[in-house]
Amino acid sequence: MRLQKQKIKIGIVGCGAIGSGIARSIVKDFKKNCLLTALFDIDQEKSSQLAKKLSSNRITKSSLSETIKKCDLMVESVNAENTHRIILEAVKGKRNVLAMSVGKLLNADSLFRLAQRNNCTILLPSGAIAGIDAIKAASLVKIHKITLTTRKPPSSFLNNAYIMKKGVDLEKLKKETILFEGDVDTAVECFPQNVNVAATLALASHAKEKIFVRILTSPTYTTNTHEIEMEGEFGRLYTRTENVVSPDNPKTSYLAVLSGIQTLKQFCEGIMVGT
C-alpha cells in the first residue's frame, strides 16, 4: 500500500501585505503539499481578519510560542525591531523558517550555525533582484567590487526616520535626488523597509565590505528599480529589475512577495534550485 505524503504545516508570523499574500497562496495553490495551521500578528485584528477571509478562523494564535508549536515551517513577515528574536525562537524550536526580512539576518552568523546544529533550514528568498544564483557562483572567487543602485518613488519612503532627520521633504522633490550613499550595514539600518535587497546581495556574495549602496528617488519614478554591477575574477555582471510595487504596500516590490511564495513552493515540493 502506498503511503500518503504528510503535508508540511506552515505558520505565518506577521499578517500584513506579505504574510497575507503568502497565506492566500498556501490555501489556494499549495494544498497538495502544505497546510496553513497558524496565523499570528501582534495586532490580533489583522490575524483575525485574514483568517476570516481564508475561512480558517480556528488557526489564529495568541502568541509566538503557540504558533511555533503548531507548524513545521514558520514564515517570518514582520520586519520589526524584534524580528531576529522571532526567527531565533523558531530555530530554537527546530522549525524551518522562511525569512522575508533578510536585512535582520545580515550579521546573524550564530543564528545560521544554530539552525545547522538543530537540523533546520533558514530560507532566504532572492527578493526583488535578479541574478542571485550567478552571484553565489561568483563568490567562490575574488570579488573586486559591487554597486547596488536602488530607485524608488517618494511614496516608498514616507515616514522613514532617516529621511525625516535629514529634513528631506519628499512632496517637494522636483527631480532625481540621492537619498543615501554608503555601506550595506548603514543602508539596512536606515532603510529597513526598502533595501532588504542590499542584505540579500551581501549574504549571497560573501563580500559585504565590497558593496557600495546608492538609494535615489524622483517624482517621475513609477517602479522600484534595482541595478547590480559586480566585478571580480569571474568577469563582470550587470542586472536590472524594474519592479511594480506590491498592490498592498508601496514600500515593497511585488516581485519580493512573489519570490517568497516561489521559495516556499520549491521547499514544499522538495525542489531547491540554487540554494
C-alpha atoms as a PDB file:
ATOM      1  CA  MET A   1       0.000   0.000   0.000  1.00  0.00           C
ATOM      2  CA  ARG A   2       1.334   3.419  -0.952  1.00  0.00           C
ATOM      3  CA  LEU A   3       1.754   5.786   1.989  1.00  0.00           C
ATOM      4  CA  GLN A   4       0.268   9.259   1.632  1.00  0.00           C
ATOM      5  CA  LYS A   5       2.813  12.079   1.841  1.00  0.00           C
ATOM      6  CA  GLN A   6       2.435  14.133   5.007  1.00  0.00           C
ATOM      7  CA  LYS A   7       1.684  17.778   4.363  1.00  0.00           C
ATOM      8  CA  ILE A   8       4.039  20.461   5.678  1.00  0.00           C
ATOM      9  CA  LYS A   9       2.378  22.509   8.399  1.00  0.00           C
ATOM     10  CA  ILE A  10       3.011  26.226   7.943  1.00  0.00           C
ATOM     11  CA  GLY A  11       2.614  29.061  10.411  1.00  0.00           C
ATOM     12  CA  ILE A  12       2.814  32.744   9.493  1.00  0.00           C
ATOM     13  CA  VAL A  13       4.056  35.467  11.829  1.00  0.00           C
ATOM     14  CA  GLY A  14       3.061  38.892  10.546  1.00  0.00           C
ATOM     15  CA  CYS A  15      -0.245  39.238   8.698  1.00  0.00           C
ATOM     16  CA  GLY A  16       0.444  42.372   6.685  1.00  0.00           C
ATOM     17  CA  ALA A  17       0.754  42.588   2.903  1.00  0.00           C
ATOM     18  CA  ILE A  18       3.460  39.932   2.520  1.00  0.00           C
ATOM     19  CA  GLY A  19       2.132  37.492   5.106  1.00  0.00           C
ATOM     20  CA  SER A  20      -1.379  37.760   3.697  1.00  0.00           C
ATOM     21  CA  GLY A  21      -0.162  37.176   0.148  1.00  0.00           C
ATOM     22  CA  ILE A  22       1.740  34.062   1.174  1.00  0.00           C
ATOM     23  CA  ALA A  23      -1.206  32.781   3.210  1.00  0.00           C
ATOM     24  CA  ARG A  24      -3.553  33.106   0.227  1.00  0.00           C
ATOM     25  CA  SER A  25      -1.114  31.163  -1.963  1.00  0.00           C
ATOM     26  CA  ILE A  26      -0.786  28.353   0.576  1.00  0.00           C
ATOM     27  CA  VAL A  27      -4.543  27.921   0.791  1.00  0.00           C
ATOM     28  CA  LYS A  28      -5.201  28.332  -2.923  1.00  0.00           C
ATOM     29  CA  ASP A  29      -2.179  26.891  -4.715  1.00  0.00           C
ATOM     30  CA  PHE A  30      -0.177  24.683  -2.329  1.00  0.00           C
ATOM     31  CA  LYS A  31      -2.942  22.480  -0.921  1.00  0.00           C
ATOM     32  CA  LYS A  32      -1.270  19.342  -2.232  1.00  0.00           C
ATOM     33  CA  ASN A  33       1.888  19.761  -0.162  1.00  0.00           C
ATOM     34  CA  CYS A  34       1.110  22.331   2.547  1.00  0.00           C
ATOM     35  CA  LEU A  35      -1.378  23.079   5.284  1.00  0.00           C
ATOM     36  CA  LEU A  36      -1.760  26.519   6.857  1.00  0.00           C
ATOM     37  CA  THR A  37      -2.010  25.795  10.579  1.00  0.00           C
ATOM     38  CA  ALA A  38      -1.233  29.063  12.358  1.00  0.00           C
ATOM     39  CA  LEU A  39      -1.544  32.841  11.953  1.00  0.00           C
ATOM     40  CA  PHE A  40      -0.091  35.284  14.443  1.00  0.00           C
ATOM     41  CA  ASP A  41       0.234  39.050  14.492  1.00  0.00           C
ATOM     42  CA  ILE A  42       0.871  41.386  17.405  1.00  0.00           C
ATOM     43  CA  ASP A  43      -2.223  43.187  16.107  1.00  0.00           C
ATOM     44  CA  GLN A  44      -4.731  40.396  16.622  1.00  0.00           C
ATOM     45  CA  GLU A  45      -7.282  42.149  14.432  1.00  0.00           C
ATOM     46  CA  LYS A  46      -5.007  41.588  11.418  1.00  0.00           C
ATOM     47  CA  SER A  47      -4.681  37.834  12.000  1.00  0.00           C
ATOM     48  CA  SER A  48      -8.394  37.505  12.741  1.00  0.00           C
ATOM     49  CA  GLN A  49      -9.399  39.358   9.584  1.00  0.00           C
ATOM     50  CA  LEU A  50      -7.017  37.292   7.451  1.00  0.00           C
ATOM     51  CA  ALA A  51      -8.286  34.040   8.954  1.00  0.00           C
ATOM     52  CA  LYS A  52     -11.849  35.112   8.241  1.00  0.00           C
ATOM     53  CA  LYS A  53     -11.007  35.861   4.593  1.00  0.00           C
ATOM     54  CA  LEU A  54      -9.438  32.408   4.311  1.00  0.00           C
ATOM     55  CA  SER A  55     -12.423  30.774   6.055  1.00  0.00           C
ATOM     56  CA  SER A  56      -9.995  29.401   8.653  1.00  0.00           C
ATOM     57  CA  ASN A  57     -10.940  31.118  11.898  1.00  0.00           C
ATOM     58  CA  ARG A  58      -9.501  28.414  14.149  1.00  0.00           C
ATOM     59  CA  ILE A  59      -5.900  28.893  13.024  1.00  0.00           C
ATOM     60  CA  THR A  60      -5.343  32.282  14.699  1.00  0.00           C
ATOM     61  CA  LYS A  61      -2.886  32.064  17.604  1.00  0.00           C
ATOM     62  CA  SER A  62      -2.378  34.371  20.569  1.00  0.00           C
ATOM     63  CA  SER A  63       1.394  34.014  20.920  1.00  0.00           C
ATOM     64  CA  LEU A  64       4.603  33.316  19.021  1.00  0.00           C
ATOM     65  CA  SER A  65       5.317  30.180  21.041  1.00  0.00           C
ATOM     66  CA  GLU A  66       1.894  28.736  20.239  1.00  0.00           C
ATOM     67  CA  THR A  67       2.447  29.473  16.544  1.00  0.00           C
ATOM     68  CA  ILE A  68       5.835  27.734  16.531  1.00  0.00           C
ATOM     69  CA  LYS A  69       4.380  24.643  18.206  1.00  0.00           C
ATOM     70  CA  LYS A  70       1.717  24.353  15.516  1.00  0.00           C
ATOM     71  CA  CYS A  71       3.994  24.376  12.457  1.00  0.00           C
ATOM     72  CA  ASP A  72       6.888  22.636  10.723  1.00  0.00           C
ATOM     73  CA  LEU A  73       7.884  25.830   8.910  1.00  0.00           C
ATOM     74  CA  MET A  74       7.396  29.394  10.095  1.00  0.00           C
ATOM     75  CA  VAL A  75       7.067  32.270   7.641  1.00  0.00           C
ATOM     76  CA  GLU A  76       8.500  35.479   9.122  1.00  0.00           C
ATOM     77  CA  SER A  77       6.966  38.582   7.536  1.00  0.00           C
ATOM     78  CA  VAL A  78       7.296  41.110  10.339  1.00  0.00           C
ATOM     79  CA  ASN A  79      10.351  43.343   9.738  1.00  0.00           C
ATOM     80  CA  ALA A  80      10.317  44.825  13.230  1.00  0.00           C
ATOM     81  CA  GLU A  81      12.901  45.510  15.925  1.00  0.00           C
ATOM     82  CA  ASN A  82      12.389  42.022  17.373  1.00  0.00           C
ATOM     83  CA  THR A  83      12.461  40.123  14.077  1.00  0.00           C
ATOM     84  CA  HIS A  84      15.805  38.474  14.897  1.00  0.00           C
ATOM     85  CA  ARG A  85      14.386  37.153  18.171  1.00  0.00           C
ATOM     86  CA  ILE A  86      11.297  35.806  16.406  1.00  0.00           C
ATOM     87  CA  ILE A  87      13.439  33.809  13.984  1.00  0.00           C
ATOM     88  CA  LEU A  88      15.728  32.695  16.809  1.00  0.00           C
ATOM     89  CA  GLU A  89      12.796  31.273  18.782  1.00  0.00           C
ATOM     90  CA  ALA A  90      11.672  29.265  15.747  1.00  0.00           C
ATOM     91  CA  VAL A  91      15.161  27.894  15.171  1.00  0.00           C
ATOM     92  CA  LYS A  92      15.486  27.010  18.865  1.00  0.00           C
ATOM     93  CA  GLY A  93      12.257  25.072  18.412  1.00  0.00           C
ATOM     94  CA  LYS A  94      13.882  23.244  15.466  1.00  0.00           C
ATOM     95  CA  ARG A  95      11.481  24.734  12.942  1.00  0.00           C
ATOM     96  CA  ASN A  96      12.361  25.678   9.384  1.00  0.00           C
ATOM     97  CA  VAL A  97      11.977  29.392   8.659  1.00  0.00           C
ATOM     98  CA  LEU A  98      11.204  31.409   5.547  1.00  0.00           C
ATOM     99  CA  ALA A  99      12.690  34.803   6.462  1.00  0.00           C
ATOM    100  CA  MET A 100      11.256  37.661   4.421  1.00  0.00           C
ATOM    101  CA  SER A 101      13.104  40.345   6.443  1.00  0.00           C
ATOM    102  CA  VAL A 102      16.541  39.411   5.146  1.00  0.00           C
ATOM    103  CA  GLY A 103      18.020  42.661   6.438  1.00  0.00           C
ATOM    104  CA  LYS A 104      17.597  41.410  10.001  1.00  0.00           C
ATOM    105  CA  LEU A 105      19.934  38.493   9.250  1.00  0.00           C
ATOM    106  CA  LEU A 106      22.808  40.481   7.805  1.00  0.00           C
ATOM    107  CA  ASN A 107      25.100  39.823  10.781  1.00  0.00           C
ATOM    108  CA  ALA A 108      23.468  36.698  12.163  1.00  0.00           C
ATOM    109  CA  ASP A 109      26.153  34.035  11.681  1.00  0.00           C
ATOM    110  CA  SER A 110      25.387  32.482  15.077  1.00  0.00           C
ATOM    111  CA  LEU A 111      21.744  32.051  14.073  1.00  0.00           C
ATOM    112  CA  PHE A 112      22.685  30.171  10.911  1.00  0.00           C
ATOM    113  CA  ARG A 113      25.072  27.958  12.908  1.00  0.00           C
ATOM    114  CA  LEU A 114      22.290  27.161  15.386  1.00  0.00           C
ATOM    115  CA  ALA A 115      19.971  26.220  12.527  1.00  0.00           C
ATOM    116  CA  GLN A 116      22.621  23.859  11.203  1.00  0.00           C
ATOM    117  CA  ARG A 117      23.058  22.238  14.629  1.00  0.00           C
ATOM    118  CA  ASN A 118      19.297  21.864  15.008  1.00  0.00           C
ATOM    119  CA  ASN A 119      18.967  20.365  11.527  1.00  0.00           C
ATOM    120  CA  CYS A 120      16.584  23.033  10.271  1.00  0.00           C
ATOM    121  CA  THR A 121      16.714  25.454   7.350  1.00  0.00           C
ATOM    122  CA  ILE A 122      16.509  29.232   7.121  1.00  0.00           C
ATOM    123  CA  LEU A 123      15.201  30.055   3.655  1.00  0.00           C
ATOM    124  CA  LEU A 124      16.151  33.423   2.161  1.00  0.00           C
ATOM    125  CA  PRO A 125      14.178  34.471  -0.935  1.00  0.00           C
ATOM    126  CA  SER A 126      16.025  36.323  -3.706  1.00  0.00           C
ATOM    127  CA  GLY A 127      13.545  39.175  -3.290  1.00  0.00           C
ATOM    128  CA  ALA A 128      13.280  41.994  -5.802  1.00  0.00           C
ATOM    129  CA  ILE A 129      16.595  41.390  -7.583  1.00  0.00           C
ATOM    130  CA  ALA A 130      17.813  39.017 -10.276  1.00  0.00           C
ATOM    131  CA  GLY A 131      20.984  37.002 -10.689  1.00  0.00           C
ATOM    132  CA  ILE A 132      21.435  35.654  -7.157  1.00  0.00           C
ATOM    133  CA  ASP A 133      22.458  32.225  -8.496  1.00  0.00           C
ATOM    134  CA  ALA A 134      25.262  33.809 -10.546  1.00  0.00           C
ATOM    135  CA  ILE A 135      26.337  35.992  -7.622  1.00  0.00           C
ATOM    136  CA  LYS A 136      26.635  32.907  -5.405  1.00  0.00           C
ATOM    137  CA  ALA A 137      28.768  31.198  -8.031  1.00  0.00           C
ATOM    138  CA  ALA A 138      30.963  34.282  -8.448  1.00  0.00           C
ATOM    139  CA  SER A 139      31.519  34.421  -4.683  1.00  0.00           C
ATOM    140  CA  LEU A 140      33.700  31.304  -4.959  1.00  0.00           C
ATOM    141  CA  VAL A 141      36.475  33.509  -6.346  1.00  0.00           C
ATOM    142  CA  LYS A 142      37.713  37.002  -5.502  1.00  0.00           C
ATOM    143  CA  ILE A 143      35.191  39.845  -5.790  1.00  0.00           C
ATOM    144  CA  HIS A 144      36.618  43.269  -6.629  1.00  0.00           C
ATOM    145  CA  LYS A 145      33.577  45.496  -6.167  1.00  0.00           C
ATOM    146  CA  ILE A 146      29.767  45.550  -6.145  1.00  0.00           C
ATOM    147  CA  THR A 147      27.457  48.521  -6.598  1.00  0.00           C
ATOM    148  CA  LEU A 148      23.753  48.393  -5.802  1.00  0.00           C
ATOM    149  CA  THR A 149      21.669  51.291  -7.086  1.00  0.00           C
ATOM    150  CA  THR A 150      18.072  51.412  -5.887  1.00  0.00           C
ATOM    151  CA  ARG A 151      15.489  53.824  -7.296  1.00  0.00           C
ATOM    152  CA  LYS A 152      12.011  54.124  -5.774  1.00  0.00           C
ATOM    153  CA  PRO A 153       9.141  56.639  -5.877  1.00  0.00           C
ATOM    154  CA  PRO A 154       8.926  59.123  -2.983  1.00  0.00           C
ATOM    155  CA  SER A 155       5.875  57.317  -1.566  1.00  0.00           C
ATOM    156  CA  SER A 156       8.134  54.359  -0.748  1.00  0.00           C
ATOM    157  CA  PHE A 157       9.987  56.435   1.837  1.00  0.00           C
ATOM    158  CA  LEU A 158       7.080  58.018   3.702  1.00  0.00           C
ATOM    159  CA  ASN A 159       7.624  58.145   7.482  1.00  0.00           C
ATOM    160  CA  ASN A 160      11.220  56.959   7.137  1.00  0.00           C
ATOM    161  CA  ALA A 161      13.106  58.199  10.213  1.00  0.00           C
ATOM    162  CA  TYR A 162      16.378  58.744   8.337  1.00  0.00           C
ATOM    163  CA  ILE A 163      14.670  60.880   5.673  1.00  0.00           C
ATOM    164  CA  MET A 164      12.833  62.954   8.259  1.00  0.00           C
ATOM    165  CA  LYS A 165      16.024  63.501  10.265  1.00  0.00           C
ATOM    166  CA  LYS A 166      17.758  64.713   7.096  1.00  0.00           C
ATOM    167  CA  GLY A 167      14.923  67.186   6.551  1.00  0.00           C
ATOM    168  CA  VAL A 168      14.048  65.907   3.084  1.00  0.00           C
ATOM    169  CA  ASP A 169      10.535  66.973   2.040  1.00  0.00           C
ATOM    170  CA  LEU A 170       9.500  64.155  -0.293  1.00  0.00           C
ATOM    171  CA  GLU A 171       6.436  66.028  -1.524  1.00  0.00           C
ATOM    172  CA  LYS A 172       8.521  68.968  -2.782  1.00  0.00           C
ATOM    173  CA  LEU A 173      11.062  66.999  -4.804  1.00  0.00           C
ATOM    174  CA  LYS A 174      11.135  68.022  -8.474  1.00  0.00           C
ATOM    175  CA  LYS A 175      13.970  65.866  -9.815  1.00  0.00           C
ATOM    176  CA  GLU A 176      16.048  62.770  -9.133  1.00  0.00           C
ATOM    177  CA  THR A 177      17.540  63.057  -5.650  1.00  0.00           C
ATOM    178  CA  ILE A 178      20.183  60.948  -3.921  1.00  0.00           C
ATOM    179  CA  LEU A 179      18.879  59.911  -0.503  1.00  0.00           C
ATOM    180  CA  PHE A 180      21.796  57.744   0.562  1.00  0.00           C
ATOM    181  CA  GLU A 181      25.246  56.566  -0.431  1.00  0.00           C
ATOM    182  CA  GLY A 182      27.256  54.217   1.741  1.00  0.00           C
ATOM    183  CA  ASP A 183      27.800  50.710   3.087  1.00  0.00           C
ATOM    184  CA  VAL A 184      25.323  47.863   3.445  1.00  0.00           C
ATOM    185  CA  ASP A 185      25.010  47.899   7.243  1.00  0.00           C
ATOM    186  CA  THR A 186      24.108  51.584   7.321  1.00  0.00           C
ATOM    187  CA  ALA A 187      21.719  51.234   4.374  1.00  0.00           C
ATOM    188  CA  VAL A 188      19.826  48.400   6.043  1.00  0.00           C
ATOM    189  CA  GLU A 189      19.738  50.269   9.361  1.00  0.00           C
ATOM    190  CA  CYS A 190      18.442  53.498   7.807  1.00  0.00           C
ATOM    191  CA  PHE A 191      16.046  51.915   5.300  1.00  0.00           C
ATOM    192  CA  PRO A 192      14.778  48.702   6.979  1.00  0.00           C
ATOM    193  CA  GLN A 193      11.659  48.556   4.801  1.00  0.00           C
ATOM    194  CA  ASN A 194      13.290  49.430   1.498  1.00  0.00           C
ATOM    195  CA  VAL A 195      16.603  47.664   0.946  1.00  0.00           C
ATOM    196  CA  ASN A 196      16.342  44.045   2.021  1.00  0.00           C
ATOM    197  CA  VAL A 197      17.965  43.528  -1.382  1.00  0.00           C
ATOM    198  CA  ALA A 198      21.222  45.002  -0.036  1.00  0.00           C
ATOM    199  CA  ALA A 199      21.332  42.359   2.706  1.00  0.00           C
ATOM    200  CA  THR A 200      20.433  39.610   0.233  1.00  0.00           C
ATOM    201  CA  LEU A 201      23.269  40.738  -2.016  1.00  0.00           C
ATOM    202  CA  ALA A 202      25.721  40.779   0.897  1.00  0.00           C
ATOM    203  CA  LEU A 203      24.745  37.292   2.082  1.00  0.00           C
ATOM    204  CA  ALA A 204      24.869  35.829  -1.427  1.00  0.00           C
ATOM    205  CA  SER A 205      28.216  37.381  -2.382  1.00  0.00           C
ATOM    206  CA  HIS A 206      30.027  36.942   0.960  1.00  0.00           C
ATOM    207  CA  ALA A 207      31.604  40.295   0.102  1.00  0.00           C
ATOM    208  CA  LYS A 208      29.743  42.821   2.252  1.00  0.00           C
ATOM    209  CA  GLU A 209      32.800  45.043   2.562  1.00  0.00           C
ATOM    210  CA  LYS A 210      32.967  45.354  -1.245  1.00  0.00           C
ATOM    211  CA  ILE A 211      29.396  46.657  -1.651  1.00  0.00           C
ATOM    212  CA  PHE A 212      28.512  50.309  -2.245  1.00  0.00           C
ATOM    213  CA  VAL A 213      24.809  51.201  -1.938  1.00  0.00           C
ATOM    214  CA  ARG A 214      23.074  54.144  -3.629  1.00  0.00           C
ATOM    215  CA  ILE A 215      19.408  54.984  -2.980  1.00  0.00           C
ATOM    216  CA  LEU A 216      17.628  57.542  -5.159  1.00  0.00           C
ATOM    217  CA  THR A 217      14.112  58.861  -5.564  1.00  0.00           C
ATOM    218  CA  SER A 218      12.228  61.042  -8.033  1.00  0.00           C
ATOM    219  CA  PRO A 219       8.588  62.038  -8.607  1.00  0.00           C
ATOM    220  CA  THR A 220       8.979  60.626 -12.125  1.00  0.00           C
ATOM    221  CA  TYR A 221       9.702  57.078 -10.896  1.00  0.00           C
ATOM    222  CA  THR A 222       6.841  54.628 -11.270  1.00  0.00           C
ATOM    223  CA  THR A 223       8.672  51.396 -10.415  1.00  0.00           C
ATOM    224  CA  ASN A 224      11.073  50.070  -7.777  1.00  0.00           C
ATOM    225  CA  THR A 225      14.309  49.570  -9.708  1.00  0.00           C
ATOM    226  CA  HIS A 226      17.429  47.739  -8.543  1.00  0.00           C
ATOM    227  CA  GLU A 227      20.671  47.675 -10.524  1.00  0.00           C
ATOM    228  CA  ILE A 228      23.614  45.478  -9.567  1.00  0.00           C
ATOM    229  CA  GLU A 229      27.086  45.914 -11.022  1.00  0.00           C
ATOM    230  CA  MET A 230      29.650  43.361  -9.924  1.00  0.00           C
ATOM    231  CA  GLU A 231      33.273  42.772 -10.939  1.00  0.00           C
ATOM    232  CA  GLY A 232      35.674  40.045  -9.900  1.00  0.00           C
ATOM    233  CA  GLU A 233      37.869  37.219 -11.080  1.00  0.00           C
ATOM    234  CA  PHE A 234      34.772  35.648 -12.670  1.00  0.00           C
ATOM    235  CA  GLY A 235      34.316  38.650 -15.006  1.00  0.00           C
ATOM    236  CA  ARG A 236      31.576  41.298 -14.867  1.00  0.00           C
ATOM    237  CA  LEU A 237      27.893  41.003 -14.028  1.00  0.00           C
ATOM    238  CA  TYR A 238      25.116  43.527 -14.525  1.00  0.00           C
ATOM    239  CA  THR A 239      21.446  43.064 -13.684  1.00  0.00           C
ATOM    240  CA  ARG A 240      18.488  45.441 -13.591  1.00  0.00           C
ATOM    241  CA  THR A 241      14.989  44.742 -12.327  1.00  0.00           C
ATOM    242  CA  GLU A 242      12.109  47.174 -12.753  1.00  0.00           C
ATOM    243  CA  ASN A 243       9.512  46.078 -10.238  1.00  0.00           C
ATOM    244  CA  VAL A 244       5.954  47.266  -9.892  1.00  0.00           C
ATOM    245  CA  VAL A 245       5.092  47.952  -6.264  1.00  0.00           C
ATOM    246  CA  SER A 246       3.052  45.495  -4.250  1.00  0.00           C
ATOM    247  CA  PRO A 247      -0.689  46.229  -4.565  1.00  0.00           C
ATOM    248  CA  ASP A 248      -0.876  46.154  -0.756  1.00  0.00           C
ATOM    249  CA  ASN A 249       2.310  48.019   0.223  1.00  0.00           C
ATOM    250  CA  PRO A 250       4.125  50.693  -1.839  1.00  0.00           C
ATOM    251  CA  LYS A 251       7.332  50.121   0.157  1.00  0.00           C
ATOM    252  CA  THR A 252       7.577  46.561  -1.154  1.00  0.00           C
ATOM    253  CA  SER A 253       8.185  45.330  -4.700  1.00  0.00           C
ATOM    254  CA  TYR A 254       5.622  42.835  -5.962  1.00  0.00           C
ATOM    255  CA  LEU A 255       8.478  40.597  -7.110  1.00  0.00           C
ATOM    256  CA  ALA A 256       9.711  40.385  -3.498  1.00  0.00           C
ATOM    257  CA  VAL A 257       6.358  38.950  -2.444  1.00  0.00           C
ATOM    258  CA  LEU A 258       6.321  36.542  -5.388  1.00  0.00           C
ATOM    259  CA  SER A 259       9.886  35.498  -4.550  1.00  0.00           C
ATOM    260  CA  GLY A 260       8.817  34.482  -1.062  1.00  0.00           C
ATOM    261  CA  ILE A 261       5.914  32.477  -2.455  1.00  0.00           C
ATOM    262  CA  GLN A 262       8.153  30.743  -5.009  1.00  0.00           C
ATOM    263  CA  THR A 263      10.804  29.916  -2.393  1.00  0.00           C
ATOM    264  CA  LEU A 264       8.136  28.333  -0.209  1.00  0.00           C
ATOM    265  CA  LYS A 265       6.715  26.439  -3.187  1.00  0.00           C
ATOM    266  CA  GLN A 266      10.109  24.963  -4.046  1.00  0.00           C
ATOM    267  CA  PHE A 267      10.730  23.911  -0.457  1.00  0.00           C
ATOM    268  CA  CYS A 268       7.334  22.245  -0.112  1.00  0.00           C
ATOM    269  CA  GLU A 269       7.816  20.407  -3.396  1.00  0.00           C
ATOM    270  CA  GLY A 270      11.335  19.342  -2.390  1.00  0.00           C
ATOM    271  CA  ILE A 271      12.885  21.279  -5.273  1.00  0.00           C
ATOM    272  CA  MET A 272      15.612  23.650  -4.123  1.00  0.00           C
ATOM    273  CA  VAL A 273      17.321  25.320  -7.066  1.00  0.00           C
ATOM    274  CA  GLY A 274      20.410  27.434  -6.491  1.00  0.00           C
ATOM    275  CA  THR A 275      20.315  27.172  -2.681  1.00  0.00           C
END
